Amino acid sequence: MNERQMIALRGLPGSGKSRWVTRYEHEQHVCSADLFFEKRDFDPALLGEAHSACFRSALEECKRVYDRTRWIHLSRRPTRSPW
C-alpha cells in the first residue's frame, strides 16, 4: 500500500517548527508562512495572506499526489439509496 501522510506543525513563533522541518522532512513538500515572507519584508498585516497562500499550497500538493480515483464525492442532494 502506498501510504500518504500530511504532518501539520503548530506552535508559537520561534518554537522550532521550521527547524524541525529542515531536520526531518527536507525531501517533502513544505507549506509555510515563513516561505511567503522570504519573497518580501515581514508585515504583520500580511499574515492572513501568508496563511491563505500556505493553505492553497497544501491543498494543491494534496491534489497532486492523491489518487483521484479514490476521492469520494459528497453531495447535499437527496438520493434514493435505502442506506
C-alpha atoms as a PDB file:
ATOM      1  CA  MET A   1       0.000   0.000   0.000  1.00  0.00           C
ATOM      2  CA  ASN A   2       1.245   3.470  -0.853  1.00  0.00           C
ATOM      3  CA  GLU A   3       0.966   5.424   2.386  1.00  0.00           C
ATOM      4  CA  ARG A   4       0.436   9.159   2.269  1.00  0.00           C
ATOM      5  CA  GLN A   5       0.845  11.424   5.245  1.00  0.00           C
ATOM      6  CA  MET A   6       0.398  15.073   6.000  1.00  0.00           C
ATOM      7  CA  ILE A   7       2.163  16.441   9.034  1.00  0.00           C
ATOM      8  CA  ALA A   8       0.851  19.721  10.432  1.00  0.00           C
ATOM      9  CA  LEU A   9       3.069  21.595  12.850  1.00  0.00           C
ATOM     10  CA  ARG A  10       1.566  24.286  15.013  1.00  0.00           C
ATOM     11  CA  GLY A  11       3.283  26.420  17.574  1.00  0.00           C
ATOM     12  CA  LEU A  12       4.343  29.829  18.719  1.00  0.00           C
ATOM     13  CA  PRO A  13       6.724  31.875  16.561  1.00  0.00           C
ATOM     14  CA  GLY A  14      10.277  30.783  17.207  1.00  0.00           C
ATOM     15  CA  SER A  15       9.259  27.444  18.726  1.00  0.00           C
ATOM     16  CA  GLY A  16      11.220  25.404  16.158  1.00  0.00           C
ATOM     17  CA  LYS A  17       8.655  24.348  13.547  1.00  0.00           C
ATOM     18  CA  SER A  18      10.796  25.337  10.561  1.00  0.00           C
ATOM     19  CA  ARG A  19      13.874  23.857  12.199  1.00  0.00           C
ATOM     20  CA  TRP A  20      12.074  20.538  12.694  1.00  0.00           C
ATOM     21  CA  VAL A  21      11.010  20.500   9.035  1.00  0.00           C
ATOM     22  CA  THR A  22      14.556  21.273   7.899  1.00  0.00           C
ATOM     23  CA  ARG A  23      15.909  18.482  10.061  1.00  0.00           C
ATOM     24  CA  TYR A  24      13.376  15.701   9.395  1.00  0.00           C
ATOM     25  CA  GLU A  25      11.322  16.435   6.290  1.00  0.00           C
ATOM     26  CA  HIS A  26      13.800  18.036   3.896  1.00  0.00           C
ATOM     27  CA  GLU A  27      12.687  15.961   0.906  1.00  0.00           C
ATOM     28  CA  GLN A  28       8.982  16.705   1.261  1.00  0.00           C
ATOM     29  CA  HIS A  29       6.741  19.480   0.045  1.00  0.00           C
ATOM     30  CA  VAL A  30       6.691  22.192   2.713  1.00  0.00           C
ATOM     31  CA  CYS A  31       3.953  24.784   3.129  1.00  0.00           C
ATOM     32  CA  SER A  32       4.914  27.555   5.495  1.00  0.00           C
ATOM     33  CA  ALA A  33       4.035  31.176   6.112  1.00  0.00           C
ATOM     34  CA  ASP A  34       7.789  31.688   6.511  1.00  0.00           C
ATOM     35  CA  LEU A  35       8.235  30.868   2.816  1.00  0.00           C
ATOM     36  CA  PHE A  36       5.729  33.610   1.942  1.00  0.00           C
ATOM     37  CA  PHE A  37       7.887  36.185   3.704  1.00  0.00           C
ATOM     38  CA  GLU A  38      11.120  35.033   2.064  1.00  0.00           C
ATOM     39  CA  LYS A  39       9.987  36.989  -1.007  1.00  0.00           C
ATOM     40  CA  ARG A  40       9.050  40.197   0.867  1.00  0.00           C
ATOM     41  CA  ASP A  41       9.635  42.017   4.108  1.00  0.00           C
ATOM     42  CA  PHE A  42       7.676  40.738   7.087  1.00  0.00           C
ATOM     43  CA  ASP A  43       4.489  42.695   7.649  1.00  0.00           C
ATOM     44  CA  PRO A  44       2.007  41.507  10.305  1.00  0.00           C
ATOM     45  CA  ALA A  45      -0.816  42.882   8.151  1.00  0.00           C
ATOM     46  CA  LEU A  46       0.035  40.204   5.553  1.00  0.00           C
ATOM     47  CA  LEU A  47      -0.199  37.215   7.927  1.00  0.00           C
ATOM     48  CA  GLY A  48      -3.693  36.337   6.713  1.00  0.00           C
ATOM     49  CA  GLU A  49      -2.493  36.357   3.120  1.00  0.00           C
ATOM     50  CA  ALA A  50       0.551  34.276   4.095  1.00  0.00           C
ATOM     51  CA  HIS A  51      -1.616  31.664   5.801  1.00  0.00           C
ATOM     52  CA  SER A  52      -4.018  31.569   2.840  1.00  0.00           C
ATOM     53  CA  ALA A  53      -1.093  31.012   0.465  1.00  0.00           C
ATOM     54  CA  CYS A  54       0.157  28.234   2.717  1.00  0.00           C
ATOM     55  CA  PHE A  55      -3.268  26.568   2.741  1.00  0.00           C
ATOM     56  CA  ARG A  56      -3.575  26.798  -1.059  1.00  0.00           C
ATOM     57  CA  SER A  57      -0.119  25.293  -1.457  1.00  0.00           C
ATOM     58  CA  ALA A  58      -1.011  22.382   0.834  1.00  0.00           C
ATOM     59  CA  LEU A  59      -4.282  21.794  -0.991  1.00  0.00           C
ATOM     60  CA  GLU A  60      -2.595  21.802  -4.395  1.00  0.00           C
ATOM     61  CA  GLU A  61       0.034  19.341  -3.170  1.00  0.00           C
ATOM     62  CA  CYS A  62      -2.693  17.042  -1.838  1.00  0.00           C
ATOM     63  CA  LYS A  63      -4.467  17.179  -5.189  1.00  0.00           C
ATOM     64  CA  ARG A  64      -1.197  16.468  -6.990  1.00  0.00           C
ATOM     65  CA  VAL A  65      -0.241  13.349  -5.044  1.00  0.00           C
ATOM     66  CA  TYR A  66      -3.618  11.852  -4.237  1.00  0.00           C
ATOM     67  CA  ASP A  67      -5.053   9.156  -6.468  1.00  0.00           C
ATOM     68  CA  ARG A  68      -8.183  10.911  -7.697  1.00  0.00           C
ATOM     69  CA  THR A  69      -9.966   7.629  -8.345  1.00  0.00           C
ATOM     70  CA  ARG A  70     -10.279   7.251  -4.579  1.00  0.00           C
ATOM     71  CA  TRP A  71     -11.996  10.599  -3.974  1.00  0.00           C
ATOM     72  CA  ILE A  72     -15.499  10.322  -2.589  1.00  0.00           C
ATOM     73  CA  HIS A  73     -17.941  12.860  -3.929  1.00  0.00           C
ATOM     74  CA  LEU A  74     -20.262  14.179  -1.256  1.00  0.00           C
ATOM     75  CA  SER A  75     -23.469  15.836  -2.281  1.00  0.00           C
ATOM     76  CA  ARG A  76     -26.266  17.502  -0.349  1.00  0.00           C
ATOM     77  CA  ARG A  77     -28.811  16.305  -2.851  1.00  0.00           C
ATOM     78  CA  PRO A  78     -31.070  13.559  -1.517  1.00  0.00           C
ATOM     79  CA  THR A  79     -30.540  10.142  -3.036  1.00  0.00           C
ATOM     80  CA  ARG A  80     -32.841   7.167  -3.444  1.00  0.00           C
ATOM     81  CA  SER A  81     -30.413   4.822  -1.772  1.00  0.00           C
ATOM     82  CA  PRO A  82     -32.003   2.864   1.094  1.00  0.00           C
ATOM     83  CA  TRP A  83     -28.914   3.449   3.239  1.00  0.00           C
END
